[in-house]
C-alpha cells in the first residue's frame, strides 16, 4: 500500500513547522539586527510570540496528538481530505501573517481562528466515541488555546488593547503544562524501553505534585498577572520538576541522542520557572528570560526530539537519529544557552540574533534530514 504525505497526521505538520520556522526566525532576526520586520497591522513582538506559539507549536502539537489519538483508540482521527483541509487552514493563516498585505487582515484572523476549533473537533470525534477518558484533557486544552488566540486577534484589531501579551503569557504556561504532562508520560517510558537497565524511577506523589503545581500557575496568573505572589509557586513547581527529572537518571542517556535531547529539554522547564520566579522576586532578570527558557530551551528541544523520534517510529525505521538531526539537537541547545545569555545582558543584540540563527539551523537540520523520509511515499 502506498503511503502519502497526507495519510498520517504528523507528516505535513512536522515538515510545515520545521520549514516555516526558518521564515519566522529570519524575519525576527532581521528585526533585531536591522530594524526590518513585519508590517502592520501586527506589532512585531506580538507577531513573533503569536507565530512561534500558534504557528509553530500548535502545528507540532496537532501532528503529535492526531497521530497519538489514532494509536490510543484504534480509530482514524482524520481522513486524508480532512487532514488536507486542516493543514490548508493552518498554512493559509501562516502565509497571511507573513504577508499581511495580500488579503484583508480580518480574513487572516477568521482563517487563523478556525484552526484550533477544527483540531478540537477532530480530536473529540476520535476520543469520545472510544471513551478514551484519560486523554479528554486535550479537548478543553485546545479550546483554551482557541480563546487565547481570539484574545490576541481582538487586541490586533483594537478591540481589547493590551490584552495580547498577557494572553501569550498564559499560552506559554499552558504549553508548559502540556510539556510537563506528556513529557512525564513518554520520557521515562522511552528511556526504560531503550535502556532496560536505566530503571528511571516514578513516584506517583511526586508526579502529581509536579503536574498540579505547574497547572496551578495558570489560574494564579489569570488572577494576578505578573505578581510577586506568583514567585513561591514558580519555585515550588521548579523544585518538584527537578526532583522528578533526577529520578529519571538522565545521565545514563548521554550515548543515545534521541533520549538525551528529551531529558535536556525537560530540564529547561524548571530552569525557566526559576528564572520567572527570580524576575518576580526583584532579581535583575527580565520576565522574557524565563519565557524563552521555556520556549527555546524546553519547547524547542522537546519538539525537535519528539519529531525526530515519532518520524522514525511511525515510518518503520530504526530508532537511530540521523547525524544531521543530532547536529540539530546540539544547535537548539546552543540557541537556548545563547538566549539565556541575553537575560544577563551579555552581548545584546547580537546574542539574541545568534540564538535565533541557532534555532533556524537546528530546524533546518531536521527538515533536511527528515523531508525525504516523510515526503517520499513508501510501500508497505
Protein backbone atom coordinates (compact mmCIF):
# COMPACT_ATOMS: atom_id res chain seq x y z
CA UNK A 1 0.00 0.00 0.00
CA UNK A 2 1.34 3.43 -0.91
CA UNK A 3 1.62 5.89 1.99
CA UNK A 4 1.28 9.56 1.01
CA UNK A 5 2.22 12.75 2.84
CA UNK A 6 -1.37 13.30 3.96
CA UNK A 7 -2.04 9.76 5.12
CA UNK A 8 -0.51 10.29 8.59
CA UNK A 9 -1.22 13.46 10.55
CA UNK A 10 2.25 14.26 11.79
CA UNK A 11 3.94 14.32 8.38
CA UNK A 12 2.67 17.63 6.91
CA UNK A 13 2.55 19.36 10.30
CA UNK A 14 6.09 18.45 11.31
CA UNK A 15 7.53 19.43 7.94
CA UNK A 16 5.46 22.61 7.74
CA UNK A 17 6.50 23.70 11.22
CA UNK A 18 10.18 22.99 10.57
CA UNK A 19 10.43 24.72 7.20
CA UNK A 20 8.23 27.71 8.05
CA UNK A 21 10.09 28.33 11.30
CA UNK A 22 13.04 29.34 9.12
CA UNK A 23 10.96 32.18 7.68
CA UNK A 24 9.59 33.24 11.07
CA UNK A 25 13.02 33.32 12.69
CA UNK A 26 14.54 35.00 9.64
CA UNK A 27 12.08 37.89 9.90
CA UNK A 28 12.65 38.13 13.64
CA UNK A 29 16.44 38.17 13.35
CA UNK A 30 16.15 40.87 10.67
CA UNK A 31 14.06 42.90 13.10
CA UNK A 32 16.64 42.50 15.86
CA UNK A 33 19.67 43.30 13.72
CA UNK A 34 18.45 45.76 11.12
CA UNK A 35 15.14 47.04 12.39
CA UNK A 36 13.31 45.46 9.47
CA UNK A 37 10.48 43.12 10.19
CA UNK A 38 6.80 42.53 9.92
CA UNK A 39 4.36 45.06 8.56
CA UNK A 40 1.16 46.44 10.05
CA UNK A 41 -1.28 45.65 11.50
CA UNK A 42 0.56 43.22 13.82
CA UNK A 43 3.13 44.73 16.22
CA UNK A 44 6.44 42.85 15.84
CA UNK A 45 6.59 41.48 19.41
CA UNK A 46 3.04 40.15 19.20
CA UNK A 47 3.71 38.74 15.73
CA UNK A 48 6.80 36.90 16.97
CA UNK A 49 5.08 35.40 20.01
CA UNK A 50 1.92 34.50 18.13
CA UNK A 51 3.61 32.72 15.25
CA UNK A 52 6.01 30.75 17.43
CA UNK A 53 3.14 29.64 19.67
CA UNK A 54 0.09 29.43 17.44
CA UNK A 55 2.02 28.76 14.25
CA UNK A 56 4.96 26.52 15.12
CA UNK A 57 3.99 24.97 18.46
CA UNK A 58 0.35 24.29 17.60
CA UNK A 59 1.39 22.55 14.38
CA UNK A 60 3.73 20.19 16.24
CA UNK A 61 1.10 19.51 18.91
CA UNK A 62 -1.58 18.92 16.26
CA UNK A 63 0.57 16.42 14.39
CA UNK A 64 1.50 14.59 17.58
CA UNK A 65 -1.99 14.46 19.14
CA UNK A 66 -3.85 13.48 15.96
CA UNK A 67 -1.39 10.66 15.37
CA UNK A 68 -1.38 9.57 19.03
CA UNK A 69 -5.20 9.69 19.25
CA UNK A 70 -5.35 7.13 16.45
CA UNK A 71 -2.99 4.86 18.39
CA UNK A 72 -4.84 5.40 21.68
CA UNK A 73 -8.25 4.50 20.24
CA UNK A 74 -7.66 2.38 17.15
CA UNK A 75 -9.87 4.84 15.25
CA UNK A 76 -8.82 7.02 12.33
CA UNK A 77 -8.51 10.59 13.63
CA UNK A 78 -8.67 12.34 10.25
CA UNK A 79 -9.13 11.24 6.67
CA UNK A 80 -6.61 12.43 4.09
CA UNK A 81 -9.13 15.04 2.87
CA UNK A 82 -9.79 16.29 6.40
CA UNK A 83 -6.07 16.45 7.10
CA UNK A 84 -5.54 18.40 3.87
CA UNK A 85 -8.24 20.85 4.98
CA UNK A 86 -6.73 21.24 8.44
CA UNK A 87 -3.21 21.76 7.12
CA UNK A 88 -4.54 24.14 4.47
CA UNK A 89 -6.24 26.31 7.09
CA UNK A 90 -3.08 26.38 9.20
CA UNK A 91 -0.86 27.19 6.21
CA UNK A 92 -3.16 29.90 4.85
CA UNK A 93 -3.08 31.67 8.21
CA UNK A 94 0.70 31.45 8.33
CA UNK A 95 1.03 32.99 4.88
CA UNK A 96 -1.40 35.70 5.94
CA UNK A 97 0.75 36.58 8.96
CA UNK A 98 3.94 36.56 6.91
CA UNK A 99 2.45 38.67 4.11
CA UNK A 100 -0.49 40.61 5.58
CA UNK A 101 -0.72 42.88 2.54
CA UNK A 102 -2.03 40.04 0.37
CA UNK A 103 -5.57 39.99 1.81
CA UNK A 104 -7.55 41.99 4.39
CA UNK A 105 -6.30 41.06 7.82
CA UNK A 106 -9.80 40.37 9.12
CA UNK A 107 -9.84 37.44 6.69
CA UNK A 108 -6.48 36.22 8.02
CA UNK A 109 -7.96 36.36 11.52
CA UNK A 110 -11.01 34.32 10.54
CA UNK A 111 -8.88 31.64 8.92
CA UNK A 112 -6.43 31.51 11.83
CA UNK A 113 -9.21 31.34 14.40
CA UNK A 114 -10.77 28.38 12.59
CA UNK A 115 -7.78 26.08 13.07
CA UNK A 116 -7.96 25.22 16.77
CA UNK A 117 -11.75 24.60 16.86
CA UNK A 118 -11.35 22.27 13.86
CA UNK A 119 -8.50 20.48 15.62
CA UNK A 120 -10.53 20.15 18.83
CA UNK A 121 -13.45 18.72 16.82
CA UNK A 122 -11.33 16.04 15.14
CA UNK A 123 -9.69 15.08 18.44
CA UNK A 124 -13.05 14.93 20.26
CA UNK A 125 -14.59 12.89 17.45
CA UNK A 126 -11.81 10.34 17.91
CA UNK A 127 -11.55 10.20 21.70
CA UNK A 128 -15.19 10.48 22.88
CA UNK A 129 -16.76 7.54 20.98
CA UNK A 130 -13.85 5.36 22.14
CA UNK A 131 -14.36 6.57 25.75
CA UNK A 132 -10.65 7.38 25.95
CA UNK A 133 -11.24 9.39 29.12
CA UNK A 134 -7.56 9.57 30.03
CA UNK A 135 -6.91 11.93 27.11
CA UNK A 136 -10.10 14.02 27.19
CA UNK A 137 -7.98 16.86 28.60
CA UNK A 138 -6.83 17.72 25.08
CA UNK A 139 -10.33 18.85 24.09
CA UNK A 140 -10.68 21.71 26.65
CA UNK A 141 -6.97 22.44 26.24
CA UNK A 142 -7.41 23.19 22.54
CA UNK A 143 -10.50 25.19 23.47
CA UNK A 144 -8.43 27.29 25.88
CA UNK A 145 -5.79 27.90 23.21
CA UNK A 146 -8.56 28.95 20.82
CA UNK A 147 -9.87 31.51 23.34
CA UNK A 148 -6.38 32.90 23.92
CA UNK A 149 -5.83 33.14 20.17
CA UNK A 150 -9.10 35.04 19.90
CA UNK A 151 -7.98 37.49 22.59
CA UNK A 152 -4.76 38.17 20.68
CA UNK A 153 -6.67 38.86 17.48
CA UNK A 154 -9.04 41.19 19.33
CA UNK A 155 -6.00 43.15 20.53
CA UNK A 156 -4.58 43.30 17.00
CA UNK A 157 -7.90 44.69 15.75
CA UNK A 158 -8.08 47.26 18.54
CA UNK A 159 -11.00 45.71 20.42
CA UNK A 160 -9.00 44.63 23.52
CA UNK A 161 -5.91 46.87 23.56
CA UNK A 162 -3.08 45.48 25.66
CA UNK A 163 -4.59 42.01 26.02
CA UNK A 164 -2.23 40.17 23.67
CA UNK A 165 0.87 39.98 25.85
CA UNK A 166 -0.93 38.52 28.91
CA UNK A 167 -2.66 36.07 26.57
CA UNK A 168 0.73 35.00 25.23
CA UNK A 169 1.97 34.53 28.81
CA UNK A 170 -0.97 32.25 29.59
CA UNK A 171 -0.49 30.34 26.34
CA UNK A 172 3.17 29.70 27.25
CA UNK A 173 2.13 28.45 30.69
CA UNK A 174 -0.43 26.12 29.08
CA UNK A 175 2.19 24.80 26.67
CA UNK A 176 4.42 24.21 29.70
CA UNK A 177 1.62 22.24 31.38
CA UNK A 178 1.37 20.09 28.27
CA UNK A 179 5.15 19.55 28.14
CA UNK A 180 5.17 18.51 31.80
CA UNK A 181 2.21 16.18 31.35
CA UNK A 182 3.25 14.50 28.11
CA UNK A 183 6.97 14.55 28.96
CA UNK A 184 6.19 12.77 32.20
CA UNK A 185 4.44 10.06 30.23
CA UNK A 186 6.81 9.45 27.36
CA UNK A 187 10.34 10.34 28.53
CA UNK A 188 10.72 7.67 31.26
CA UNK A 189 8.82 5.20 29.06
CA UNK A 190 11.13 5.75 26.09
CA UNK A 191 14.16 5.64 28.39
CA UNK A 192 13.29 2.33 30.04
CA UNK A 193 12.26 0.77 26.75
CA UNK A 194 15.52 1.71 25.03
CA UNK A 195 17.79 1.29 28.08
CA UNK A 196 16.25 -1.51 30.18
CA UNK A 197 18.99 -1.23 32.81
CA UNK A 198 18.42 2.50 33.37
CA UNK A 199 15.41 1.96 35.70
CA UNK A 200 14.05 5.55 35.73
CA UNK A 201 12.14 5.99 38.96
CA UNK A 202 8.50 7.03 39.02
CA UNK A 203 6.88 8.23 42.23
CA UNK A 204 3.16 8.97 41.73
CA UNK A 205 3.05 11.53 44.54
CA UNK A 206 5.96 13.48 43.04
CA UNK A 207 4.43 13.26 39.56
CA UNK A 208 1.14 14.66 40.81
CA UNK A 209 2.83 17.44 42.77
CA UNK A 210 4.91 18.48 39.76
CA UNK A 211 2.00 18.47 37.32
CA UNK A 212 -0.51 20.16 39.62
CA UNK A 213 1.97 22.84 40.69
CA UNK A 214 2.56 23.81 37.06
CA UNK A 215 -1.16 23.64 36.28
CA UNK A 216 -1.92 25.91 39.23
CA UNK A 217 0.27 28.60 37.69
CA UNK A 218 -2.39 29.26 35.05
CA UNK A 219 -5.30 30.32 37.34
CA UNK A 220 -2.86 32.14 39.62
CA UNK A 221 -1.57 34.16 36.66
CA UNK A 222 -5.14 34.84 35.49
CA UNK A 223 -5.96 36.21 38.93
CA UNK A 224 -2.90 38.39 39.46
CA UNK A 225 -0.76 38.51 36.33
CA UNK A 226 2.98 39.01 36.80
CA UNK A 227 2.62 39.45 40.54
CA UNK A 228 5.45 38.70 43.04
CA UNK A 229 2.99 36.46 44.88
CA UNK A 230 3.40 34.01 41.99
CA UNK A 231 7.12 33.53 42.71
CA UNK A 232 6.85 30.93 45.54
CA UNK A 233 4.64 28.71 43.37
CA UNK A 234 7.09 29.03 40.47
CA UNK A 235 9.99 27.98 42.72
CA UNK A 236 7.98 25.09 44.20
CA UNK A 237 6.96 23.81 40.76
CA UNK A 238 10.60 24.02 39.62
CA UNK A 239 11.75 22.02 42.67
CA UNK A 240 9.20 19.26 42.04
CA UNK A 241 10.14 19.08 38.36
CA UNK A 242 13.86 18.97 39.10
CA UNK A 243 13.38 16.16 41.61
CA UNK A 244 11.31 14.27 39.05
CA UNK A 245 13.97 14.79 36.37
CA UNK A 246 16.75 13.49 38.66
CA UNK A 247 14.64 10.43 39.46
CA UNK A 248 14.68 9.54 35.76
CA UNK A 249 18.51 9.19 35.89
CA UNK A 250 19.11 11.25 32.74
CA UNK A 251 22.90 10.90 32.93
CA UNK A 252 22.53 7.34 31.63
CA UNK A 253 21.18 8.54 28.27
CA UNK A 254 24.14 10.56 27.00
CA UNK A 255 25.09 7.93 24.42
CA UNK A 256 21.58 7.99 22.89
CA UNK A 257 20.73 11.33 21.20
CA UNK A 258 17.01 10.54 20.82
CA UNK A 259 16.87 10.23 24.62
CA UNK A 260 19.25 12.89 25.89
CA UNK A 261 17.58 15.64 23.87
CA UNK A 262 14.28 14.83 25.60
CA UNK A 263 15.84 14.78 29.07
CA UNK A 264 17.73 18.01 28.37
CA UNK A 265 14.57 19.64 27.05
CA UNK A 266 12.68 18.67 30.20
CA UNK A 267 15.44 20.18 32.35
CA UNK A 268 14.81 23.56 30.73
CA UNK A 269 11.32 23.64 32.28
CA UNK A 270 12.49 24.07 35.91
CA UNK A 271 15.21 26.44 34.67
CA UNK A 272 12.57 28.59 33.00
CA UNK A 273 10.29 28.57 36.05
CA UNK A 274 13.18 29.58 38.33
CA UNK A 275 14.01 32.49 36.01
CA UNK A 276 10.37 33.62 36.03
CA UNK A 277 10.31 33.42 39.82
CA UNK A 278 13.59 35.32 40.09
CA UNK A 279 12.22 38.03 37.80
CA UNK A 280 9.20 38.49 40.06
CA UNK A 281 11.39 38.43 43.18
CA UNK A 282 13.36 41.53 42.25
CA UNK A 283 16.38 39.97 40.55
CA UNK A 284 17.78 41.90 37.60
CA UNK A 285 16.44 39.31 35.17
CA UNK A 286 13.72 40.16 32.69
CA UNK A 287 10.49 38.17 32.54
CA UNK A 288 11.29 37.24 28.95
CA UNK A 289 14.34 35.27 30.10
CA UNK A 290 12.12 32.65 31.73
CA UNK A 291 9.68 32.65 28.83
CA UNK A 292 12.48 31.99 26.34
CA UNK A 293 13.99 29.26 28.53
CA UNK A 294 10.59 27.57 28.38
CA UNK A 295 10.09 28.15 24.67
CA UNK A 296 13.56 27.94 23.11
CA UNK A 297 15.00 25.53 25.67
CA UNK A 298 12.11 23.29 26.71
CA UNK A 299 9.64 23.54 23.84
CA UNK A 300 12.30 23.83 21.12
CA UNK A 301 14.25 20.83 22.41
CA UNK A 302 11.28 18.61 23.20
CA UNK A 303 9.62 19.38 19.87
CA UNK A 304 12.66 18.56 17.77
CA UNK A 305 13.35 15.46 19.88
CA UNK A 306 9.78 14.14 19.66
CA UNK A 307 9.51 15.00 15.96
CA UNK A 308 12.73 13.09 15.30
CA UNK A 309 11.64 10.00 17.21
CA UNK A 310 7.99 9.92 16.09
CA UNK A 311 9.00 10.37 12.46
CA UNK A 312 11.29 7.33 12.66
CA UNK A 313 8.99 5.14 14.71
CA UNK A 314 5.84 5.72 12.66
CA UNK A 315 7.58 5.18 9.34
CA UNK A 316 9.02 1.84 10.39
CA UNK A 317 12.65 2.94 10.50
CA UNK A 318 15.28 2.11 13.13
CA UNK A 319 15.22 4.44 16.11
CA UNK A 320 18.62 5.95 15.40
CA UNK A 321 18.77 9.69 14.84
CA UNK A 322 20.49 10.77 11.62
CA UNK A 323 23.74 12.66 12.19
CA UNK A 324 22.19 15.83 10.81
CA UNK A 325 19.38 15.56 13.35
CA UNK A 326 21.92 15.15 16.17
CA UNK A 327 23.58 18.34 14.93
CA UNK A 328 20.14 19.94 15.22
CA UNK A 329 19.87 18.77 18.83
CA UNK A 330 23.19 20.43 19.62
CA UNK A 331 22.22 23.64 17.80
CA UNK A 332 18.89 24.04 19.62
CA UNK A 333 20.76 23.63 22.90
CA UNK A 334 23.26 26.33 21.91
CA UNK A 335 20.36 28.55 20.84
CA UNK A 336 18.77 28.19 24.28
CA UNK A 337 22.06 28.93 26.03
CA UNK A 338 22.62 32.00 23.84
CA UNK A 339 19.14 33.28 24.66
CA UNK A 340 19.84 32.69 28.34
CA UNK A 341 22.93 34.88 27.98
CA UNK A 342 20.66 37.71 26.82
CA UNK A 343 18.96 37.57 30.23
CA UNK A 344 22.20 38.67 31.84
CA UNK A 345 22.78 41.46 29.32
CA UNK A 346 25.68 39.70 27.63
CA UNK A 347 26.26 40.72 24.02
CA UNK A 348 22.97 42.38 23.15
CA UNK A 349 21.58 42.36 20.48
CA UNK A 350 23.90 40.06 18.56
CA UNK A 351 23.50 37.23 21.08
CA UNK A 352 19.72 37.26 20.64
CA UNK A 353 20.24 37.13 16.88
CA UNK A 354 22.69 34.25 17.34
CA UNK A 355 20.04 32.41 19.33
CA UNK A 356 17.57 32.87 16.51
CA UNK A 357 20.13 31.68 14.00
CA UNK A 358 20.83 28.61 16.14
CA UNK A 359 17.11 27.78 16.20
CA UNK A 360 16.84 28.22 12.42
CA UNK A 361 19.87 26.00 11.77
CA UNK A 362 18.59 23.35 14.19
CA UNK A 363 15.26 23.02 12.44
CA UNK A 364 16.93 23.28 9.04
CA UNK A 365 18.96 20.21 10.05
CA UNK A 366 15.74 18.41 10.98
CA UNK A 367 13.99 19.49 7.78
CA UNK A 368 16.82 18.42 5.51
CA UNK A 369 17.28 15.09 7.29
CA UNK A 370 13.61 14.17 7.55
CA UNK A 371 11.91 15.65 4.47
CA UNK A 372 12.99 12.71 2.25
CA UNK A 373 11.73 10.26 4.90
CA UNK A 374 8.33 11.93 5.24
CA UNK A 375 7.60 13.11 1.71
CA UNK A 376 8.78 10.11 -0.26
CA UNK A 377 5.96 7.55 -0.41
CA UNK A 378 6.74 4.11 0.93
CA UNK A 379 5.21 0.81 0.02
CA UNK A 380 4.08 -1.29 2.96
